[in-house]
Amino acid sequence: MMRLNPNLDRINLGCGPNAPSGWLNIDGSWNAWLSNHSWIRRGLMVAGIIDKKNPGAEWKVCPLVHELTKPLPLSDESVFAVYASHVLEHLYVADAKRLLLECRRVLKPGGVLRLVVPDLEFMARDYLAQKEITHKMNGTNNRGSAADMFNNRLRFRSPQPPQGNLFFRLYSLWKDFHYHKWMYDAGSLIQYVEDAGFSGVHQRDYLQSEIPGIAEVELAERVLDGAGICVEGKKSLKTGP
């Protein structure tokens, strides 16, 4: 197990480039690994294997590279807070359940788990509203536009097979983390968190949290205007994983 810096008792799971220095940032992506090996990244760019314009290439700090389908490399009851934004939907439900149990294991009694995921209910309501609009337009050219928009927002699969060079296509097929595997509304996410043993689980507003410094990791564009829902719960004060 990793020996945790006592000053880093807040975990940012699946951090992506949004990796503030006051948190233990964990990510299992290719870009996360390359952020720790900048000379390899430069070589791959020169060789044309990766795109120089890749927005995921700019990382604030070097994260801990770890695949989230595996047990977290942390001791029991070693952190105060776990935060994950737009991560859970990229996991199969079985893996998501295991990750929630892992979060509970590493949290101290009274510790806080906060999850942000895309809002399935908002997407569904917007789909029905858009479908009604296109129906009233009576335009045969617009019959499928609402469904296409809905599918694009669900992001279960790209409309096109993996593009780019052979290396990137093989990586995309092997990693299979870029697309969504399960979607949640507030009620279903709360139920999953409660089933993992958390108490006091509630939906929260943007930046409404018991985690100090939440503004360091929470991005408005991932929550507001239907972009996502926030759910927060606590590990019971009773000791034990």
Protein backbone atom coordinates (compact mmCIF):
# COMPACT_ATOMS: atom_id res chain seq x y z
CA MET A 1 0.00 0.00 0.00
CA MET A 2 1.09 3.54 -0.72
CA ARG A 3 2.33 5.61 2.23
CA LEU A 4 0.14 8.69 2.00
CA ASN A 5 1.47 12.18 2.53
CA PRO A 6 -0.51 13.40 5.59
CA ASN A 7 -1.01 16.73 3.83
CA LEU A 8 -2.80 14.98 0.96
CA ASP A 9 -5.86 13.51 2.63
CA ARG A 10 -8.22 14.40 -0.24
CA ILE A 11 -8.30 12.15 -3.33
CA ASN A 12 -9.23 13.34 -6.81
CA LEU A 13 -10.12 10.16 -8.73
CA GLY A 14 -9.93 10.19 -12.52
CA CYS A 15 -8.53 13.68 -12.19
CA GLY A 16 -7.63 14.34 -15.82
CA PRO A 17 -5.69 17.56 -16.41
CA ASN A 18 -7.68 19.20 -13.58
CA ALA A 19 -5.17 18.16 -10.95
CA PRO A 20 -4.61 20.72 -8.15
CA SER A 21 -1.48 20.34 -6.07
CA GLY A 22 -3.30 20.11 -2.71
CA TRP A 23 -4.94 16.81 -3.63
CA LEU A 24 -3.76 13.27 -4.29
CA ASN A 25 -4.63 13.09 -7.99
CA ILE A 26 -5.20 9.61 -9.42
CA ASP A 27 -5.75 8.76 -13.07
CA GLY A 28 -5.24 5.65 -15.16
CA SER A 29 -5.23 7.21 -18.61
CA TRP A 30 -2.49 7.22 -21.23
CA ASN A 31 -2.15 11.00 -20.83
CA ALA A 32 -1.71 10.59 -17.08
CA TRP A 33 1.16 8.16 -17.64
CA LEU A 34 2.73 10.49 -20.21
CA SER A 35 2.48 13.42 -17.80
CA ASN A 36 5.04 11.57 -15.68
CA HIS A 37 7.26 10.89 -18.71
CA SER A 38 7.40 14.16 -20.62
CA TRP A 39 10.41 13.08 -22.70
CA ILE A 40 8.46 10.10 -24.05
CA ARG A 41 5.53 12.40 -24.87
CA ARG A 42 7.83 14.72 -26.81
CA GLY A 43 9.27 11.79 -28.73
CA LEU A 44 5.82 10.46 -29.62
CA MET A 45 4.78 13.92 -30.78
CA VAL A 46 7.85 14.24 -33.00
CA ALA A 47 7.12 10.80 -34.43
CA GLY A 48 3.51 11.84 -35.14
CA ILE A 49 2.08 9.06 -32.99
CA ILE A 50 0.16 11.46 -30.73
CA ASP A 51 -1.41 14.79 -31.66
CA LYS A 52 0.36 17.94 -30.48
CA LYS A 53 -3.05 19.59 -30.11
CA ASN A 54 -4.35 16.94 -27.73
CA PRO A 55 -6.12 18.92 -24.96
CA GLY A 56 -5.37 16.19 -22.44
CA ALA A 57 -1.66 16.79 -22.79
CA GLU A 58 -1.51 19.81 -20.48
CA TRP A 59 -1.35 18.60 -16.86
CA LYS A 60 -0.80 20.86 -13.85
CA VAL A 61 0.92 18.17 -11.75
CA CYS A 62 2.08 14.60 -12.20
CA PRO A 63 -0.71 12.30 -10.97
CA LEU A 64 -0.51 8.88 -9.42
CA VAL A 65 -1.12 6.56 -12.38
CA HIS A 66 -3.54 3.82 -11.35
CA GLU A 67 -6.28 1.85 -13.09
CA LEU A 68 -9.54 2.49 -11.23
CA THR A 69 -10.88 -1.00 -11.87
CA LYS A 70 -8.17 -2.24 -9.47
CA PRO A 71 -8.09 -1.77 -5.67
CA LEU A 72 -6.93 1.68 -4.62
CA PRO A 73 -3.27 1.60 -3.51
CA LEU A 74 -4.10 3.20 -0.16
CA SER A 75 -4.39 1.94 3.39
CA ASP A 76 -7.69 1.49 5.19
CA GLU A 77 -9.14 4.69 6.71
CA SER A 78 -6.30 6.86 5.42
CA VAL A 79 -8.09 9.80 3.74
CA PHE A 80 -10.76 12.34 4.66
CA ALA A 81 -12.37 12.91 1.27
CA VAL A 82 -12.77 11.21 -2.11
CA TYR A 83 -13.91 13.19 -5.15
CA ALA A 84 -14.67 11.83 -8.62
CA SER A 85 -16.14 13.91 -11.44
CA HIS A 86 -17.46 12.28 -14.64
CA VAL A 87 -15.65 9.05 -13.84
CA LEU A 88 -18.22 6.49 -12.68
CA GLU A 89 -20.10 6.46 -15.99
CA HIS A 90 -16.94 5.23 -17.74
CA LEU A 91 -16.93 2.04 -15.66
CA TYR A 92 -19.02 -1.08 -15.99
CA VAL A 93 -21.54 -1.20 -13.15
CA ALA A 94 -19.74 -4.11 -11.48
CA ASP A 95 -16.49 -2.11 -11.51
CA ALA A 96 -18.29 1.02 -10.29
CA LYS A 97 -19.70 -0.90 -7.32
CA ARG A 98 -16.25 -2.20 -6.44
CA LEU A 99 -14.80 1.30 -6.67
CA LEU A 100 -17.45 2.64 -4.29
CA LEU A 101 -16.55 -0.07 -1.78
CA GLU A 102 -12.88 0.85 -2.20
CA CYS A 103 -13.72 4.49 -1.52
CA ARG A 104 -15.46 3.48 1.67
CA ARG A 105 -12.49 1.34 2.70
CA VAL A 106 -9.90 4.11 2.36
CA LEU A 107 -12.05 6.81 3.96
CA LYS A 108 -11.66 7.62 7.63
CA PRO A 109 -14.81 7.36 9.79
CA GLY A 110 -16.83 10.49 9.02
CA GLY A 111 -15.00 10.92 5.72
CA VAL A 112 -16.84 12.30 2.68
CA LEU A 113 -17.43 10.82 -0.77
CA ARG A 114 -18.58 13.22 -3.50
CA LEU A 115 -19.49 12.02 -7.00
CA VAL A 116 -20.38 14.01 -10.10
CA VAL A 117 -21.87 12.22 -13.11
CA PRO A 118 -23.77 13.28 -16.25
CA ASP A 119 -27.47 13.76 -15.52
CA LEU A 120 -29.44 11.07 -17.34
CA GLU A 121 -32.79 12.57 -16.34
CA PHE A 122 -31.88 15.97 -17.79
CA MET A 123 -30.77 14.32 -21.03
CA ALA A 124 -33.97 12.28 -21.28
CA ARG A 125 -36.20 15.29 -20.62
CA ASP A 126 -34.27 17.35 -23.15
CA TYR A 127 -34.58 14.55 -25.70
CA LEU A 128 -38.36 14.42 -25.30
CA ALA A 129 -38.58 18.21 -25.55
CA GLN A 130 -36.47 18.26 -28.71
CA LYS A 131 -38.51 15.41 -30.19
CA GLU A 132 -41.71 17.38 -29.58
CA ILE A 133 -40.22 20.43 -31.27
CA THR A 134 -39.18 18.48 -34.38
CA HIS A 135 -42.59 16.79 -34.49
CA LYS A 136 -44.33 20.17 -34.53
CA MET A 137 -42.02 21.33 -37.32
CA ASN A 138 -43.37 18.48 -39.51
CA GLY A 139 -40.06 18.36 -41.30
CA THR A 140 -39.05 14.98 -42.64
CA ASN A 141 -35.39 16.06 -42.63
CA ASN A 142 -35.45 16.53 -38.84
CA ARG A 143 -37.13 13.31 -37.74
CA GLY A 144 -33.96 11.74 -36.38
CA SER A 145 -32.19 14.82 -35.05
CA ALA A 146 -33.47 14.50 -31.46
CA ALA A 147 -32.45 10.83 -31.26
CA ASP A 148 -29.05 11.59 -32.76
CA MET A 149 -28.50 14.36 -30.23
CA PHE A 150 -29.54 12.06 -27.39
CA ASN A 151 -27.14 9.33 -28.53
CA ASN A 152 -24.28 11.81 -28.83
CA ARG A 153 -24.88 13.02 -25.28
CA LEU A 154 -25.07 9.48 -23.91
CA ARG A 155 -21.65 8.79 -25.45
CA PHE A 156 -21.96 5.04 -25.33
CA ARG A 157 -20.05 4.85 -28.58
CA SER A 158 -18.62 7.26 -31.13
CA PRO A 159 -20.47 7.50 -34.45
CA GLN A 160 -17.17 6.52 -36.10
CA PRO A 161 -14.72 3.69 -35.38
CA PRO A 162 -11.44 4.79 -33.76
CA GLN A 163 -9.58 7.18 -36.05
CA GLY A 164 -5.92 8.12 -36.37
CA ASN A 165 -2.80 6.05 -36.68
CA LEU A 166 -2.65 2.32 -35.93
CA PHE A 167 -1.12 2.89 -32.49
CA PHE A 168 -3.96 5.18 -31.38
CA ARG A 169 -6.66 2.89 -32.81
CA LEU A 170 -5.24 -0.11 -30.96
CA TYR A 171 -4.97 1.95 -27.77
CA SER A 172 -8.60 3.09 -28.08
CA LEU A 173 -9.82 -0.48 -28.49
CA TRP A 174 -7.65 -1.79 -25.67
CA LYS A 175 -8.41 0.94 -23.13
CA ASP A 176 -12.13 1.32 -23.89
CA PHE A 177 -12.39 4.04 -21.24
CA HIS A 178 -13.33 6.98 -23.42
CA TYR A 179 -16.99 6.01 -23.76
CA HIS A 180 -19.80 5.73 -21.23
CA LYS A 181 -20.90 2.31 -20.00
CA TRP A 182 -23.71 3.20 -17.59
CA MET A 183 -25.70 6.37 -16.89
CA TYR A 184 -27.26 7.61 -13.67
CA ASP A 185 -29.93 9.95 -12.44
CA ALA A 186 -29.85 11.37 -8.91
CA GLY A 187 -32.00 8.62 -7.44
CA SER A 188 -30.05 5.71 -8.91
CA LEU A 189 -26.68 7.18 -7.93
CA ILE A 190 -27.85 7.79 -4.38
CA GLN A 191 -29.02 4.16 -4.19
CA TYR A 192 -25.66 2.82 -5.40
CA VAL A 193 -23.79 4.95 -2.86
CA GLU A 194 -26.09 3.85 -0.04
CA ASP A 195 -25.71 0.21 -1.10
CA ALA A 196 -21.94 0.66 -0.73
CA GLY A 197 -22.48 1.48 2.95
CA PHE A 198 -22.49 5.27 3.00
CA SER A 199 -24.90 7.26 5.15
CA GLY A 200 -26.50 10.68 4.82
CA VAL A 201 -26.39 10.43 1.04
CA HIS A 202 -27.98 13.43 -0.67
CA GLN A 203 -27.90 15.31 -3.93
CA ARG A 204 -25.90 18.53 -3.61
CA ASP A 205 -25.63 21.73 -5.60
CA TYR A 206 -22.51 22.94 -7.36
CA LEU A 207 -19.77 23.66 -4.75
CA GLN A 208 -22.17 22.75 -1.92
CA SER A 209 -20.00 20.30 -0.04
CA GLU A 210 -18.49 19.33 3.28
CA ILE A 211 -15.13 18.85 1.56
CA PRO A 212 -12.79 21.80 2.18
CA GLY A 213 -11.47 23.38 -1.00
CA ILE A 214 -14.04 21.74 -3.27
CA ALA A 215 -13.74 24.67 -5.68
CA GLU A 216 -10.20 23.51 -6.46
CA VAL A 217 -11.51 20.43 -8.29
CA GLU A 218 -15.16 21.01 -9.18
CA LEU A 219 -15.73 22.57 -12.60
CA ALA A 220 -18.91 24.52 -13.36
CA GLU A 221 -19.12 23.14 -16.91
CA ARG A 222 -19.38 19.60 -15.50
CA VAL A 223 -22.31 20.41 -13.20
CA LEU A 224 -24.35 23.44 -14.20
CA ASP A 225 -26.98 23.74 -16.94
CA GLY A 226 -27.80 20.04 -16.85
CA ALA A 227 -24.20 18.91 -17.35
CA GLY A 228 -24.10 16.81 -14.19
CA ILE A 229 -25.48 15.91 -10.79
CA CYS A 230 -23.58 15.90 -7.48
CA VAL A 231 -24.18 13.29 -4.80
CA GLU A 232 -22.42 13.28 -1.46
CA GLY A 233 -22.35 10.83 1.44
CA LYS A 234 -20.32 9.98 4.52
CA LYS A 235 -18.66 6.93 5.93
CA SER A 236 -20.18 6.02 9.28
CA LEU A 237 -18.30 7.13 12.38
CA LYS A 238 -18.18 3.48 13.37
CA THR A 239 -14.63 2.23 12.91
CA GLY A 240 -13.68 -0.44 10.44
CA PRO A 241 -13.64 -0.63 6.63
